Amino acid sequence: MLTIKILGSGCANCKKLEAVAREAAGNAHVQADFVKVTDMKEILAFDLLSTPGLVINDKLVSS
C-alpha cells in the first residue's frame, strides 16, 4: 500500500492535485492512503519551494 501526501494549504490547486492522484491510483488499481499535509514545518521538511506538492512513500515526486 502506498502513502500519498498532498502538501499545501488546501488551495484549489491542492484539491485538484488530490483529485487527480486519487483518480490515477484508482485507475491503476493501487491501494493508497491519502494524507493532506498543511503544517508548514512538515511541508518545509521536504524542501518544497511551492505548493502543492505530491509525496509518495516519503519521496517528493512533484512540486
Protein backbone atom coordinates (compact mmCIF):
# COMPACT_ATOMS: atom_id res chain seq x y z
CA MET A 1 0.00 0.00 0.00
CA LEU A 2 1.23 3.47 -0.87
CA THR A 3 1.11 6.52 1.35
CA ILE A 4 0.38 9.60 -0.73
CA LYS A 5 0.69 13.03 0.81
CA ILE A 6 -0.67 16.22 -0.68
CA LEU A 7 1.40 19.14 0.62
CA GLY A 8 -0.26 22.53 0.69
CA SER A 9 -2.67 24.91 2.33
CA GLY A 10 -5.82 23.43 0.84
CA CYS A 11 -5.94 25.80 -2.12
CA ALA A 12 -7.76 24.98 -5.35
CA ASN A 13 -4.60 23.55 -6.93
CA CYS A 14 -4.04 21.32 -3.89
CA LYS A 15 -7.57 19.96 -4.19
CA LYS A 16 -7.13 19.40 -7.92
CA LEU A 17 -3.84 17.54 -7.35
CA GLU A 18 -5.51 15.32 -4.77
CA ALA A 19 -8.39 14.53 -7.14
CA VAL A 20 -6.01 13.65 -9.98
CA ALA A 21 -3.84 11.50 -7.69
CA ARG A 22 -6.89 9.64 -6.38
CA GLU A 23 -8.13 9.05 -9.91
CA ALA A 24 -4.71 7.80 -11.05
CA ALA A 25 -4.43 5.41 -8.09
CA GLY A 26 -7.94 4.12 -8.77
CA ASN A 27 -7.30 3.64 -12.46
CA ALA A 28 -4.12 1.71 -11.68
CA HIS A 29 -5.93 -0.37 -9.02
CA VAL A 30 -3.38 0.76 -6.43
CA GLN A 31 -4.33 0.83 -2.77
CA ALA A 32 -3.23 4.08 -1.20
CA ASP A 33 -3.72 6.09 1.95
CA PHE A 34 -4.11 9.79 1.20
CA VAL A 35 -2.90 12.36 3.71
CA LYS A 36 -3.34 16.13 3.48
CA VAL A 37 -0.39 17.98 4.99
CA THR A 38 -0.97 21.64 5.83
CA ASP A 39 1.63 22.10 8.58
CA MET A 40 4.37 24.38 7.19
CA LYS A 41 7.14 22.73 9.23
CA GLU A 42 6.30 19.36 7.74
CA ILE A 43 5.98 20.83 4.25
CA LEU A 44 9.36 22.57 4.51
CA ALA A 45 10.99 19.31 5.62
CA PHE A 46 10.52 18.14 2.02
CA ASP A 47 12.44 21.19 0.65
CA LEU A 48 9.32 22.21 -1.22
CA LEU A 49 9.62 25.62 -2.88
CA SER A 50 5.99 25.98 -3.90
CA THR A 51 2.76 24.15 -3.26
CA PRO A 52 1.07 21.89 -3.99
CA GLY A 53 3.49 19.04 -3.61
CA LEU A 54 2.98 15.32 -4.10
CA VAL A 55 4.82 12.85 -1.88
CA ILE A 56 4.67 9.09 -2.40
CA ASN A 57 6.10 6.91 0.35
CA ASP A 58 8.01 9.90 1.81
CA LYS A 59 9.62 10.84 -1.52
CA LEU A 60 8.75 14.19 -3.11
CA VAL A 61 7.76 13.38 -6.70
CA SER A 62 6.13 16.62 -7.82
CA SER A 63 6.07 20.25 -6.78
